[in-house]
Amino acid sequence: MNHAPTLAEDLLLLLFSPESGTIAGENTLFYTLAGGVLADLALGEHVRTVPGRLGATLVQAVDTRPPADDLLRSAWDYVVPKPRGVQTVLAAIGPPLRGPLLDRLVERGDLRRETHRTLGLFDRTVLADGGTGRRDQLLDDVRQVLVDGAEPAPRVAALAALLSGSGTLPQFDPEIPWTSPVITRAKELELGNWGAGAASEAVQRTITATIVNSVIVAVPQSN
């Protein structure tokens, strides 16, 4: 493919379980994936937050910085006419994301679709790991931040924060042990406490934290 993976693609790939062939958090997946898209736009400085009425936080497009990626551009176009509430944006852009993101992962080779026959009569399509090793690398990046205490790159911090905010992080145990230190570190990332970092990342941390916490509000937490 002629573009780098989006944050939402990496998020969906991480949520895929090679053992079961299923995707974690399916019931509220569209909120999580929408959070990935919006966080990607924030990290790329394609959107910013502005204050709204009664203390609300709104997402505003940066007119001079349209994203090149078509999927990100569609979400960016939604906020171009006027600033909108974060949860409004999540609810609007999230529902159609799963299919196109899966198609991208299959086209990239990170996942593959297999046809299985049930009871000798019915064909059904299942997902399987594509063998590129990308999921393992992403999981290792997140594990280093949550378990080993490594200072994260902004993209990895956003991935870890969204996994935590979506309530799916416990399902990565034992690769990422579900322990008190891991929970504490994950909550720090949700709040935008990524580490020292560069001063230029401060705004990105704040916007991403706002997005992640909007996902938390939208997604019932089981932990």
N, C-alpha and C. Protein backbone atom coordinates (compact mmCIF):
# COMPACT_ATOMS: atom_id res chain seq x y z
N MET A 1 0.85 -1.19 0.00
CA MET A 1 0.00 0.00 0.00
C MET A 1 0.89 1.25 0.00
N ASN A 2 0.33 2.34 -0.47
CA ASN A 2 1.16 3.54 -0.64
C ASN A 2 1.05 4.50 0.53
N HIS A 3 0.55 4.05 1.66
CA HIS A 3 0.52 4.92 2.83
C HIS A 3 0.87 4.11 4.07
N ALA A 4 1.38 4.81 5.07
CA ALA A 4 1.72 4.14 6.33
C ALA A 4 0.44 3.75 7.05
N PRO A 5 0.50 2.73 7.89
CA PRO A 5 -0.70 2.34 8.65
C PRO A 5 -1.19 3.49 9.53
N THR A 6 -2.47 3.67 9.58
CA THR A 6 -3.05 4.66 10.48
C THR A 6 -3.06 4.10 11.90
N LEU A 7 -3.24 4.99 12.84
CA LEU A 7 -3.33 4.58 14.24
C LEU A 7 -4.52 3.63 14.44
N ALA A 8 -5.62 3.90 13.76
CA ALA A 8 -6.80 3.04 13.88
C ALA A 8 -6.53 1.64 13.33
N GLU A 9 -5.75 1.53 12.25
CA GLU A 9 -5.37 0.21 11.73
C GLU A 9 -4.55 -0.56 12.76
N ASP A 10 -3.58 0.11 13.34
CA ASP A 10 -2.75 -0.55 14.35
C ASP A 10 -3.58 -0.94 15.56
N LEU A 11 -4.52 -0.11 15.93
CA LEU A 11 -5.39 -0.40 17.06
C LEU A 11 -6.24 -1.64 16.77
N LEU A 12 -6.83 -1.71 15.58
CA LEU A 12 -7.64 -2.87 15.21
C LEU A 12 -6.80 -4.14 15.14
N LEU A 13 -5.57 -4.01 14.64
CA LEU A 13 -4.68 -5.17 14.57
C LEU A 13 -4.36 -5.69 15.96
N LEU A 14 -4.13 -4.79 16.89
CA LEU A 14 -3.85 -5.20 18.27
C LEU A 14 -5.07 -5.87 18.91
N LEU A 15 -6.25 -5.38 18.59
CA LEU A 15 -7.48 -5.92 19.17
C LEU A 15 -7.83 -7.29 18.59
N PHE A 16 -7.21 -7.65 17.47
CA PHE A 16 -7.43 -8.97 16.89
C PHE A 16 -6.67 -10.02 17.70
N SER A 17 -7.36 -11.11 18.01
CA SER A 17 -6.73 -12.22 18.74
C SER A 17 -6.38 -13.34 17.77
N PRO A 18 -5.10 -13.63 17.55
CA PRO A 18 -4.72 -14.72 16.64
C PRO A 18 -5.23 -16.08 17.10
N GLU A 19 -5.37 -16.26 18.42
CA GLU A 19 -5.80 -17.56 18.95
C GLU A 19 -7.26 -17.85 18.61
N SER A 20 -8.12 -16.84 18.77
CA SER A 20 -9.56 -17.06 18.56
C SER A 20 -10.05 -16.59 17.21
N GLY A 21 -9.27 -15.73 16.54
CA GLY A 21 -9.71 -15.17 15.27
C GLY A 21 -10.77 -14.10 15.44
N THR A 22 -10.95 -13.62 16.66
CA THR A 22 -11.97 -12.61 16.93
C THR A 22 -11.31 -11.27 17.28
N ILE A 23 -12.14 -10.24 17.35
CA ILE A 23 -11.67 -8.90 17.69
C ILE A 23 -12.26 -8.51 19.03
N ALA A 24 -11.41 -8.08 19.94
CA ALA A 24 -11.86 -7.71 21.29
C ALA A 24 -12.71 -6.45 21.24
N GLY A 25 -13.69 -6.40 22.14
CA GLY A 25 -14.49 -5.19 22.30
C GLY A 25 -15.39 -4.87 21.12
N GLU A 26 -15.88 -5.90 20.44
CA GLU A 26 -16.70 -5.68 19.24
C GLU A 26 -17.92 -4.79 19.50
N ASN A 27 -18.56 -4.93 20.66
CA ASN A 27 -19.80 -4.21 20.91
C ASN A 27 -19.64 -2.69 20.88
N THR A 28 -18.47 -2.22 21.26
CA THR A 28 -18.23 -0.78 21.27
C THR A 28 -17.01 -0.42 20.42
N LEU A 29 -16.71 -1.29 19.46
CA LEU A 29 -15.50 -1.13 18.67
C LEU A 29 -15.48 0.19 17.91
N PHE A 30 -16.63 0.64 17.45
CA PHE A 30 -16.62 1.84 16.61
C PHE A 30 -16.18 3.07 17.38
N TYR A 31 -16.48 3.12 18.69
CA TYR A 31 -15.98 4.24 19.49
C TYR A 31 -14.46 4.19 19.59
N THR A 32 -13.93 3.00 19.82
CA THR A 32 -12.49 2.84 19.98
C THR A 32 -11.76 3.20 18.69
N LEU A 33 -12.24 2.69 17.56
CA LEU A 33 -11.60 2.98 16.28
C LEU A 33 -11.72 4.46 15.92
N ALA A 34 -12.87 5.05 16.23
CA ALA A 34 -13.02 6.48 15.99
C ALA A 34 -12.05 7.28 16.84
N GLY A 35 -11.82 6.81 18.07
CA GLY A 35 -10.82 7.46 18.92
C GLY A 35 -9.44 7.38 18.30
N GLY A 36 -9.14 6.24 17.66
CA GLY A 36 -7.86 6.10 16.96
C GLY A 36 -7.72 7.07 15.81
N VAL A 37 -8.79 7.23 15.04
CA VAL A 37 -8.75 8.17 13.91
C VAL A 37 -8.57 9.60 14.41
N LEU A 38 -9.33 9.95 15.43
CA LEU A 38 -9.26 11.32 15.94
C LEU A 38 -7.90 11.59 16.59
N ALA A 39 -7.36 10.59 17.30
CA ALA A 39 -6.04 10.75 17.89
C ALA A 39 -4.97 10.91 16.80
N ASP A 40 -5.13 10.17 15.70
CA ASP A 40 -4.20 10.30 14.58
C ASP A 40 -4.23 11.72 14.01
N LEU A 41 -5.43 12.25 13.88
CA LEU A 41 -5.57 13.63 13.38
C LEU A 41 -4.93 14.62 14.35
N ALA A 42 -5.07 14.35 15.64
CA ALA A 42 -4.47 15.24 16.64
C ALA A 42 -2.95 15.17 16.60
N LEU A 43 -2.40 13.93 16.53
CA LEU A 43 -0.95 13.77 16.50
C LEU A 43 -0.34 14.38 15.25
N GLY A 44 -1.10 14.38 14.16
CA GLY A 44 -0.63 14.98 12.92
C GLY A 44 -0.92 16.47 12.82
N GLU A 45 -1.50 17.02 13.88
CA GLU A 45 -1.84 18.45 13.95
C GLU A 45 -2.82 18.85 12.86
N HIS A 46 -3.72 17.91 12.52
CA HIS A 46 -4.78 18.21 11.55
C HIS A 46 -6.02 18.76 12.24
N VAL A 47 -6.13 18.52 13.55
CA VAL A 47 -7.23 19.08 14.34
C VAL A 47 -6.66 19.64 15.64
N ARG A 48 -7.43 20.48 16.27
CA ARG A 48 -7.09 21.00 17.59
C ARG A 48 -8.37 21.08 18.41
N THR A 49 -8.24 21.29 19.69
CA THR A 49 -9.42 21.46 20.52
C THR A 49 -9.61 22.94 20.85
N VAL A 50 -10.87 23.32 20.95
CA VAL A 50 -11.23 24.70 21.31
C VAL A 50 -12.33 24.61 22.36
N PRO A 51 -12.43 25.62 23.23
CA PRO A 51 -13.48 25.59 24.26
C PRO A 51 -14.85 25.85 23.65
N GLY A 52 -15.84 25.13 24.15
CA GLY A 52 -17.23 25.34 23.73
C GLY A 52 -18.04 25.92 24.86
N ARG A 53 -19.33 25.89 24.73
CA ARG A 53 -20.21 26.43 25.76
C ARG A 53 -20.24 25.53 26.99
N LEU A 54 -20.42 26.13 28.13
CA LEU A 54 -20.58 25.41 29.39
C LEU A 54 -19.41 24.47 29.68
N GLY A 55 -18.22 24.89 29.27
CA GLY A 55 -17.02 24.12 29.57
C GLY A 55 -16.76 22.94 28.67
N ALA A 56 -17.56 22.78 27.63
CA ALA A 56 -17.36 21.66 26.70
C ALA A 56 -16.08 21.86 25.89
N THR A 57 -15.50 20.74 25.43
CA THR A 57 -14.33 20.78 24.55
C THR A 57 -14.75 20.36 23.16
N LEU A 58 -14.42 21.18 22.18
CA LEU A 58 -14.80 20.92 20.79
C LEU A 58 -13.57 20.61 19.95
N VAL A 59 -13.78 19.85 18.89
CA VAL A 59 -12.72 19.53 17.94
C VAL A 59 -12.88 20.44 16.73
N GLN A 60 -11.79 21.08 16.35
CA GLN A 60 -11.80 22.01 15.21
C GLN A 60 -10.75 21.58 14.19
N ALA A 61 -11.11 21.59 12.93
CA ALA A 61 -10.16 21.26 11.88
C ALA A 61 -9.15 22.39 11.72
N VAL A 62 -7.89 22.02 11.48
CA VAL A 62 -6.87 23.01 11.11
C VAL A 62 -6.94 23.14 9.58
N ASP A 63 -7.51 24.22 9.11
CA ASP A 63 -7.84 24.35 7.68
C ASP A 63 -6.64 24.17 6.76
N THR A 64 -5.47 24.54 7.24
CA THR A 64 -4.29 24.50 6.39
C THR A 64 -3.58 23.15 6.40
N ARG A 65 -4.14 22.17 7.16
CA ARG A 65 -3.44 20.87 7.29
C ARG A 65 -4.38 19.69 7.02
N PRO A 66 -4.93 19.59 5.82
CA PRO A 66 -5.75 18.41 5.51
C PRO A 66 -4.88 17.17 5.43
N PRO A 67 -5.33 16.04 6.00
CA PRO A 67 -4.54 14.81 5.93
C PRO A 67 -4.56 14.22 4.53
N ALA A 68 -3.48 13.53 4.16
CA ALA A 68 -3.39 12.92 2.83
C ALA A 68 -4.16 11.61 2.76
N ASP A 69 -4.23 10.89 3.88
CA ASP A 69 -4.90 9.60 3.91
C ASP A 69 -6.42 9.79 3.74
N ASP A 70 -7.03 9.02 2.85
CA ASP A 70 -8.45 9.19 2.54
C ASP A 70 -9.34 8.97 3.76
N LEU A 71 -9.02 7.96 4.55
CA LEU A 71 -9.86 7.64 5.70
C LEU A 71 -9.78 8.77 6.74
N LEU A 72 -8.59 9.27 6.98
CA LEU A 72 -8.43 10.39 7.90
C LEU A 72 -9.07 11.65 7.33
N ARG A 73 -8.98 11.80 6.02
CA ARG A 73 -9.54 12.99 5.38
C ARG A 73 -11.06 13.04 5.55
N SER A 74 -11.70 11.87 5.47
CA SER A 74 -13.15 11.82 5.64
C SER A 74 -13.56 12.33 7.02
N ALA A 75 -12.83 11.91 8.04
CA ALA A 75 -13.11 12.36 9.41
C ALA A 75 -12.80 13.85 9.56
N TRP A 76 -11.71 14.28 8.96
CA TRP A 76 -11.32 15.70 9.02
C TRP A 76 -12.39 16.56 8.34
N ASP A 77 -12.90 16.08 7.21
CA ASP A 77 -13.95 16.82 6.48
C ASP A 77 -15.18 17.04 7.34
N TYR A 78 -15.45 16.09 8.24
CA TYR A 78 -16.65 16.19 9.08
C TYR A 78 -16.58 17.38 10.03
N VAL A 79 -15.37 17.73 10.46
CA VAL A 79 -15.25 18.85 11.40
C VAL A 79 -14.84 20.15 10.73
N VAL A 80 -14.67 20.13 9.41
CA VAL A 80 -14.30 21.36 8.70
C VAL A 80 -15.39 22.43 8.80
N PRO A 81 -16.68 22.09 8.60
CA PRO A 81 -17.70 23.15 8.61
C PRO A 81 -17.78 23.93 9.92
N LYS A 82 -17.60 23.22 11.05
CA LYS A 82 -17.66 23.90 12.35
C LYS A 82 -17.07 22.98 13.41
N PRO A 83 -16.60 23.55 14.52
CA PRO A 83 -16.12 22.70 15.62
C PRO A 83 -17.26 21.85 16.18
N ARG A 84 -16.94 20.63 16.57
CA ARG A 84 -17.95 19.71 17.09
C ARG A 84 -17.45 19.05 18.36
N GLY A 85 -18.38 18.62 19.20
CA GLY A 85 -18.02 17.91 20.42
C GLY A 85 -17.32 16.60 20.13
N VAL A 86 -16.39 16.22 21.00
CA VAL A 86 -15.60 15.02 20.75
C VAL A 86 -16.51 13.79 20.62
N GLN A 87 -17.46 13.63 21.53
CA GLN A 87 -18.32 12.45 21.46
C GLN A 87 -19.21 12.49 20.23
N THR A 88 -19.60 13.67 19.79
CA THR A 88 -20.37 13.79 18.55
C THR A 88 -19.56 13.29 17.37
N VAL A 89 -18.27 13.66 17.35
CA VAL A 89 -17.40 13.22 16.26
C VAL A 89 -17.19 11.70 16.32
N LEU A 90 -16.95 11.17 17.52
CA LEU A 90 -16.75 9.73 17.65
C LEU A 90 -17.97 8.96 17.13
N ALA A 91 -19.16 9.41 17.51
CA ALA A 91 -20.39 8.71 17.10
C ALA A 91 -20.64 8.83 15.61
N ALA A 92 -20.19 9.93 15.01
CA ALA A 92 -20.45 10.15 13.59
C ALA A 92 -19.48 9.39 12.69
N ILE A 93 -18.20 9.38 13.05
CA ILE A 93 -17.20 8.79 12.15
C ILE A 93 -16.94 7.31 12.44
N GLY A 94 -17.37 6.82 13.63
CA GLY A 94 -17.01 5.47 14.03
C GLY A 94 -17.70 4.32 13.32
N PRO A 95 -19.03 4.35 13.14
CA PRO A 95 -19.74 3.17 12.62
C PRO A 95 -19.22 2.59 11.31
N PRO A 96 -18.80 3.39 10.33
CA PRO A 96 -18.35 2.77 9.07
C PRO A 96 -16.88 2.35 9.03
N LEU A 97 -16.16 2.44 10.13
CA LEU A 97 -14.70 2.27 10.08
C LEU A 97 -14.24 0.82 10.00
N ARG A 98 -14.94 -0.10 10.66
CA ARG A 98 -14.43 -1.46 10.83
C ARG A 98 -14.10 -2.13 9.50
N GLY A 99 -15.02 -2.10 8.55
CA GLY A 99 -14.83 -2.78 7.27
C GLY A 99 -13.63 -2.27 6.49
N PRO A 100 -13.55 -0.96 6.23
CA PRO A 100 -12.39 -0.44 5.49
C PRO A 100 -11.06 -0.68 6.19
N LEU A 101 -11.04 -0.60 7.52
CA LEU A 101 -9.80 -0.84 8.25
C LEU A 101 -9.37 -2.30 8.14
N LEU A 102 -10.33 -3.22 8.23
CA LEU A 102 -10.00 -4.64 8.04
C LEU A 102 -9.48 -4.89 6.63
N ASP A 103 -10.11 -4.27 5.64
CA ASP A 103 -9.66 -4.43 4.26
C ASP A 103 -8.21 -3.97 4.11
N ARG A 104 -7.87 -2.89 4.77
CA ARG A 104 -6.49 -2.38 4.69
C ARG A 104 -5.51 -3.36 5.32
N LEU A 105 -5.90 -3.92 6.46
CA LEU A 105 -5.01 -4.87 7.14
C LEU A 105 -4.81 -6.13 6.30
N VAL A 106 -5.87 -6.56 5.62
CA VAL A 106 -5.76 -7.73 4.74
C VAL A 106 -4.90 -7.39 3.53
N GLU A 107 -5.13 -6.24 2.94
CA GLU A 107 -4.35 -5.83 1.77
C GLU A 107 -2.87 -5.68 2.12
N ARG A 108 -2.62 -5.22 3.35
CA ARG A 108 -1.23 -5.04 3.78
C ARG A 108 -0.56 -6.37 4.14
N GLY A 109 -1.39 -7.41 4.36
CA GLY A 109 -0.86 -8.72 4.71
C GLY A 109 -0.79 -8.99 6.19
N ASP A 110 -1.18 -8.01 7.02
CA ASP A 110 -1.13 -8.21 8.47
C ASP A 110 -2.20 -9.21 8.93
N LEU A 111 -3.33 -9.24 8.23
CA LEU A 111 -4.37 -10.23 8.48
C LEU A 111 -4.70 -10.92 7.16
N ARG A 112 -5.30 -12.08 7.25
CA ARG A 112 -5.78 -12.74 6.05
C ARG A 112 -7.17 -13.32 6.32
N ARG A 113 -7.94 -13.44 5.28
CA ARG A 113 -9.27 -14.04 5.39
C ARG A 113 -9.21 -15.48 4.89
N GLU A 114 -9.76 -16.40 5.69
CA GLU A 114 -9.79 -17.80 5.32
C GLU A 114 -11.24 -18.28 5.29
N THR A 115 -11.53 -19.21 4.40
CA THR A 115 -12.86 -19.79 4.32
C THR A 115 -12.87 -21.15 4.98
N HIS A 116 -13.74 -21.32 5.97
CA HIS A 116 -13.88 -22.58 6.68
C HIS A 116 -15.27 -23.16 6.40
N ARG A 117 -15.36 -24.45 6.28
CA ARG A 117 -16.65 -25.10 6.06
C ARG A 117 -17.17 -25.67 7.38
N THR A 118 -18.39 -25.32 7.72
CA THR A 118 -19.03 -25.77 8.95
C THR A 118 -20.02 -26.89 8.65
N LEU A 119 -19.91 -27.96 9.40
CA LEU A 119 -20.80 -29.12 9.23
C LEU A 119 -20.79 -29.68 7.82
N GLY A 120 -19.72 -29.38 7.09
CA GLY A 120 -19.61 -29.87 5.74
C GLY A 120 -20.54 -29.21 4.76
N LEU A 121 -21.25 -28.16 5.20
CA LEU A 121 -22.27 -27.54 4.34
C LEU A 121 -22.07 -26.05 4.12
N PHE A 122 -21.72 -25.35 5.19
CA PHE A 122 -21.74 -23.89 5.13
C PHE A 122 -20.33 -23.32 5.18
N ASP A 123 -20.06 -22.42 4.26
CA ASP A 123 -18.78 -21.73 4.25
C ASP A 123 -18.87 -20.47 5.10
N ARG A 124 -17.85 -20.24 5.89
CA ARG A 124 -17.80 -18.99 6.64
C ARG A 124 -16.38 -18.44 6.57
N THR A 125 -16.30 -17.13 6.56
CA THR A 125 -15.01 -16.47 6.47
C THR A 125 -14.50 -16.12 7.86
N VAL A 126 -13.27 -16.48 8.13
CA VAL A 126 -12.66 -16.17 9.43
C VAL A 126 -11.37 -15.40 9.19
N LEU A 127 -10.96 -14.68 10.22
CA LEU A 127 -9.72 -13.91 10.15
C LEU A 127 -8.58 -14.70 10.77
N ALA A 128 -7.39 -14.54 10.22
CA ALA A 128 -6.19 -15.18 10.76
C ALA A 128 -5.02 -14.21 10.66
N ASP A 129 -4.03 -14.44 11.50
CA ASP A 129 -2.83 -13.60 11.46
C ASP A 129 -2.13 -13.77 10.12
N GLY A 130 -1.66 -12.67 9.55
CA GLY A 130 -1.03 -12.71 8.24
C GLY A 130 0.43 -13.09 8.25
N GLY A 131 1.05 -13.13 9.43
CA GLY A 131 2.44 -13.56 9.53
C GLY A 131 3.47 -12.48 9.24
N THR A 132 3.05 -11.20 9.20
CA THR A 132 4.02 -10.13 8.94
C THR A 132 4.83 -9.78 10.18
N GLY A 133 4.32 -10.15 11.35
CA GLY A 133 4.99 -9.81 12.59
C GLY A 133 4.65 -8.43 13.12
N ARG A 134 3.82 -7.68 12.40
CA ARG A 134 3.52 -6.31 12.83
C ARG A 134 2.75 -6.29 14.15
N ARG A 135 1.79 -7.21 14.30
CA ARG A 135 1.04 -7.22 15.55
C ARG A 135 1.96 -7.49 16.73
N ASP A 136 2.86 -8.45 16.59
CA ASP A 136 3.80 -8.77 17.67
C ASP A 136 4.66 -7.56 18.02
N GLN A 137 5.09 -6.81 17.00
CA GLN A 137 5.92 -5.64 17.25
C GLN A 137 5.14 -4.55 17.99
N LEU A 138 3.89 -4.33 17.56
CA LEU A 138 3.05 -3.34 18.23
C LEU A 138 2.80 -3.72 19.68
N LEU A 139 2.52 -5.00 19.90
CA LEU A 139 2.27 -5.48 21.25
C LEU A 139 3.51 -5.32 22.12
N ASP A 140 4.67 -5.57 21.54
CA ASP A 140 5.92 -5.41 22.28
C ASP A 140 6.17 -3.94 22.62
N ASP A 141 5.86 -3.04 21.68
CA ASP A 141 6.01 -1.61 21.94
C ASP A 141 5.15 -1.17 23.12
N VAL A 142 3.89 -1.63 23.12
CA VAL A 142 2.97 -1.27 24.20
C VAL A 142 3.42 -1.90 25.51
N ARG A 143 3.88 -3.15 25.45
CA ARG A 143 4.34 -3.84 26.65
C ARG A 143 5.53 -3.12 27.28
N GLN A 144 6.46 -2.66 26.45
CA GLN A 144 7.63 -1.96 26.98
C GLN A 144 7.22 -0.71 27.76
N VAL A 145 6.19 -0.03 27.27
CA VAL A 145 5.73 1.19 27.95
C VAL A 145 5.00 0.85 29.24
N LEU A 146 4.09 -0.12 29.18
CA LEU A 146 3.25 -0.42 30.33
C LEU A 146 3.94 -1.29 31.38
N VAL A 147 4.78 -2.20 30.95
CA VAL A 147 5.41 -3.15 31.87
C VAL A 147 6.82 -2.71 32.25
N ASP A 148 7.62 -2.31 31.25
CA ASP A 148 9.02 -1.97 31.51
C ASP A 148 9.24 -0.51 31.87
N GLY A 149 8.19 0.31 31.69
CA GLY A 149 8.31 1.72 32.06
C GLY A 149 9.04 2.57 31.05
N ALA A 150 9.16 2.09 29.80
CA ALA A 150 9.84 2.89 28.77
C ALA A 150 9.03 4.14 28.47
N GLU A 151 9.73 5.24 28.16
CA GLU A 151 9.03 6.46 27.77
C GLU A 151 8.51 6.28 26.34
N PRO A 152 7.23 6.46 26.11
CA PRO A 152 6.66 6.09 24.82
C PRO A 152 6.79 7.19 23.77
N ALA A 153 6.89 6.75 22.52
CA ALA A 153 6.65 7.67 21.41
C ALA A 153 5.17 8.05 21.46
N PRO A 154 4.81 9.24 20.96
CA PRO A 154 3.41 9.67 21.04
C PRO A 154 2.42 8.64 20.48
N ARG A 155 2.77 8.02 19.37
CA ARG A 155 1.87 7.06 18.75
C ARG A 155 1.63 5.84 19.65
N VAL A 156 2.69 5.33 20.27
CA VAL A 156 2.56 4.18 21.16
C VAL A 156 1.78 4.58 22.41
N ALA A 157 2.03 5.77 22.91
CA ALA A 157 1.28 6.26 24.07
C ALA A 157 -0.21 6.31 23.76
N ALA A 158 -0.56 6.79 22.57
CA ALA A 158 -1.97 6.88 22.18
C ALA A 158 -2.57 5.49 22.05
N LEU A 159 -1.82 4.54 21.47
CA LEU A 159 -2.31 3.17 21.34
C LEU A 159 -2.59 2.57 22.71
N ALA A 160 -1.64 2.69 23.62
CA ALA A 160 -1.80 2.12 24.96
C ALA A 160 -2.97 2.77 25.69
N ALA A 161 -3.08 4.09 25.56
CA ALA A 161 -4.16 4.81 26.23
C ALA A 161 -5.53 4.41 25.70
N LEU A 162 -5.62 4.21 24.40
CA LEU A 162 -6.90 3.81 23.80
C LEU A 162 -7.25 2.37 24.16
N LEU A 163 -6.28 1.49 24.22
CA LEU A 163 -6.54 0.12 24.68
C LEU A 163 -7.07 0.14 26.10
N SER A 164 -6.44 0.94 26.94
CA SER A 164 -6.89 1.05 28.32
C SER A 164 -8.28 1.67 28.40
N GLY A 165 -8.46 2.76 27.68
CA GLY A 165 -9.73 3.47 27.71
C GLY A 165 -10.89 2.65 27.17
N SER A 166 -10.60 1.73 26.25
CA SER A 166 -11.65 0.90 25.66
C SER A 166 -12.04 -0.27 26.55
N GLY A 167 -11.29 -0.48 27.64
CA GLY A 167 -11.58 -1.58 28.54
C GLY A 167 -11.08 -2.94 28.07
N THR A 168 -10.27 -2.97 27.02
CA THR A 168 -9.82 -4.24 26.45
C THR A 168 -8.45 -4.68 26.97
N LEU A 169 -7.77 -3.84 27.70
CA LEU A 169 -6.40 -4.16 28.12
C LEU A 169 -6.29 -5.45 28.92
N PRO A 170 -7.25 -5.80 29.79
CA PRO A 170 -7.11 -7.06 30.53
C PRO A 170 -7.01 -8.29 29.63
N GLN A 171 -7.53 -8.20 28.41
CA GLN A 171 -7.52 -9.35 27.53
C GLN A 171 -6.13 -9.65 26.95
N PHE A 172 -5.16 -8.76 27.20
CA PHE A 172 -3.80 -8.98 26.70
C PHE A 172 -2.93 -9.73 27.71
N ASP A 173 -3.48 -10.00 28.89
CA ASP A 173 -2.76 -10.81 29.87
C ASP A 173 -2.65 -12.25 29.35
N PRO A 174 -1.52 -12.91 29.39
CA PRO A 174 -0.31 -12.58 30.17
C PRO A 174 0.76 -11.81 29.39
N GLU A 175 0.56 -11.56 28.08
CA GLU A 175 1.59 -10.81 27.34
C GLU A 175 1.83 -9.45 28.00
N ILE A 176 0.73 -8.79 28.40
CA ILE A 176 0.82 -7.57 29.20
C ILE A 176 0.10 -7.89 30.51
N PRO A 177 0.85 -8.26 31.56
CA PRO A 177 0.23 -8.71 32.80
C PRO A 177 -0.74 -7.67 33.37
N TRP A 178 -1.89 -8.14 33.80
CA TRP A 178 -2.90 -7.24 34.35
C TRP A 178 -2.61 -7.04 35.84
N THR A 179 -1.64 -6.18 36.12
CA THR A 179 -1.17 -5.95 37.49
C THR A 179 -1.44 -4.50 37.89
N SER A 180 -1.32 -4.23 39.17
CA SER A 180 -1.56 -2.86 39.66
C SER A 180 -0.62 -1.83 39.02
N PRO A 181 0.69 -2.12 38.89
CA PRO A 181 1.57 -1.14 38.23
C PRO A 181 1.17 -0.87 36.77
N VAL A 182 0.75 -1.91 36.05
CA VAL A 182 0.33 -1.73 34.66
C VAL A 182 -0.94 -0.88 34.60
N ILE A 183 -1.89 -1.17 35.48
CA ILE A 183 -3.13 -0.38 35.52
C ILE A 183 -2.83 1.08 35.81
N THR A 184 -1.95 1.32 36.77
CA THR A 184 -1.58 2.69 37.13
C THR A 184 -0.93 3.41 35.96
N ARG A 185 0.00 2.73 35.29
CA ARG A 185 0.69 3.34 34.14
C ARG A 185 -0.30 3.62 33.02
N ALA A 186 -1.22 2.70 32.78
CA ALA A 186 -2.22 2.88 31.72
C ALA A 186 -3.10 4.09 32.02
N LYS A 187 -3.49 4.25 33.28
CA LYS A 187 -4.32 5.40 33.65
C LYS A 187 -3.55 6.71 33.47
N GLU A 188 -2.26 6.69 33.74
CA GLU A 188 -1.44 7.89 33.51
C GLU A 188 -1.44 8.27 32.03
N LEU A 189 -1.32 7.26 31.17
CA LEU A 189 -1.33 7.53 29.73
C LEU A 189 -2.68 8.07 29.28
N GLU A 190 -3.76 7.54 29.85
CA GLU A 190 -5.09 8.05 29.52
C GLU A 190 -5.18 9.55 29.80
N LEU A 191 -4.51 9.99 30.86
CA LEU A 191 -4.56 11.39 31.27
C LEU A 191 -3.55 12.26 30.53
N GLY A 192 -2.77 11.65 29.64
CA GLY A 192 -1.79 12.42 28.88
C GLY A 192 -0.45 12.54 29.55
N ASN A 193 -0.23 11.77 30.63
CA ASN A 193 1.06 11.79 31.33
C ASN A 193 1.99 10.78 30.66
N TRP A 194 2.62 11.19 29.58
CA TRP A 194 3.42 10.27 28.77
C TRP A 194 4.88 10.26 29.17
N GLY A 195 5.30 11.22 29.97
CA GLY A 195 6.72 11.35 30.29
C GLY A 195 7.17 12.76 29.97
N ALA A 196 8.45 13.00 30.06
CA ALA A 196 8.98 14.35 29.84
C ALA A 196 8.66 14.85 28.44
N GLY A 197 9.16 14.12 27.43
CA GLY A 197 8.84 14.45 26.05
C GLY A 197 9.27 15.86 25.66
N ALA A 198 9.01 16.20 24.42
CA ALA A 198 9.33 17.54 23.92
C ALA A 198 8.17 18.48 24.23
N ALA A 199 8.49 19.74 24.42
CA ALA A 199 7.44 20.72 24.71
C ALA A 199 6.40 20.78 23.61
N SER A 200 6.83 20.51 22.38
CA SER A 200 5.92 20.58 21.25
C SER A 200 4.85 19.50 21.31
N GLU A 201 5.09 18.46 22.12
CA GLU A 201 4.12 17.38 22.22
C GLU A 201 3.04 17.65 23.26
N ALA A 202 3.17 18.74 24.02
CA ALA A 202 2.24 18.99 25.11
C ALA A 202 0.81 19.11 24.62
N VAL A 203 0.61 19.83 23.53
CA VAL A 203 -0.74 20.01 22.99
C VAL A 203 -1.29 18.68 22.51
N GLN A 204 -0.45 17.89 21.85
CA GLN A 204 -0.88 16.59 21.36
C GLN A 204 -1.30 15.69 22.52
N ARG A 205 -0.54 15.73 23.61
CA ARG A 205 -0.88 14.92 24.78
C ARG A 205 -2.23 15.33 25.34
N THR A 206 -2.47 16.63 25.40
CA THR A 206 -3.72 17.13 25.96
C THR A 206 -4.91 16.74 25.10
N ILE A 207 -4.77 16.92 23.78
CA ILE A 207 -5.87 16.57 22.88
C ILE A 207 -6.14 15.07 22.92
N THR A 208 -5.08 14.27 22.88
CA THR A 208 -5.26 12.82 22.90
C THR A 208 -5.92 12.37 24.19
N ALA A 209 -5.54 12.97 25.31
CA ALA A 209 -6.17 12.63 26.59
C ALA A 209 -7.66 12.96 26.56
N THR A 210 -8.01 14.07 25.95
CA THR A 210 -9.43 14.44 25.83
C THR A 210 -10.19 13.41 25.01
N ILE A 211 -9.58 12.97 23.92
CA ILE A 211 -10.21 11.96 23.05
C ILE A 211 -10.37 10.64 23.80
N VAL A 212 -9.29 10.19 24.45
CA VAL A 212 -9.34 8.92 25.17
C VAL A 212 -10.40 8.95 26.25
N ASN A 213 -10.49 10.03 26.98
CA ASN A 213 -11.47 10.10 28.06
C ASN A 213 -12.90 10.20 27.53
N SER A 214 -13.06 10.69 26.32
CA SER A 214 -14.38 10.65 25.68
C SER A 214 -14.74 9.21 25.30
N VAL A 215 -13.74 8.43 24.89
CA VAL A 215 -13.97 7.00 24.62
C VAL A 215 -14.37 6.30 25.91
N ILE A 216 -13.70 6.62 27.01
CA ILE A 216 -14.00 5.99 28.30
C ILE A 216 -15.44 6.27 28.70
N VAL A 217 -15.90 7.50 28.51
CA VAL A 217 -17.27 7.86 28.85
C VAL A 217 -18.26 7.08 28.00
N ALA A 218 -17.91 6.86 26.73
CA ALA A 218 -18.82 6.20 25.79
C ALA A 218 -18.85 4.69 25.94
N VAL A 219 -17.76 4.11 26.44
CA VAL A 219 -17.63 2.65 26.50
C VAL A 219 -17.80 2.18 27.94
N PRO A 220 -18.76 1.30 28.22
CA PRO A 220 -18.91 0.75 29.57
C PRO A 220 -17.63 0.05 30.00
N GLN A 221 -17.16 0.35 31.19
CA GLN A 221 -15.91 -0.22 31.69
C GLN A 221 -16.22 -1.43 32.58
N SER A 222 -15.54 -2.53 32.29
CA SER A 222 -15.76 -3.75 33.05
C SER A 222 -14.70 -3.94 34.14
N ASN A 223 -13.77 -3.01 34.21
CA ASN A 223 -12.70 -3.17 35.19
C ASN A 223 -12.64 -1.96 36.11
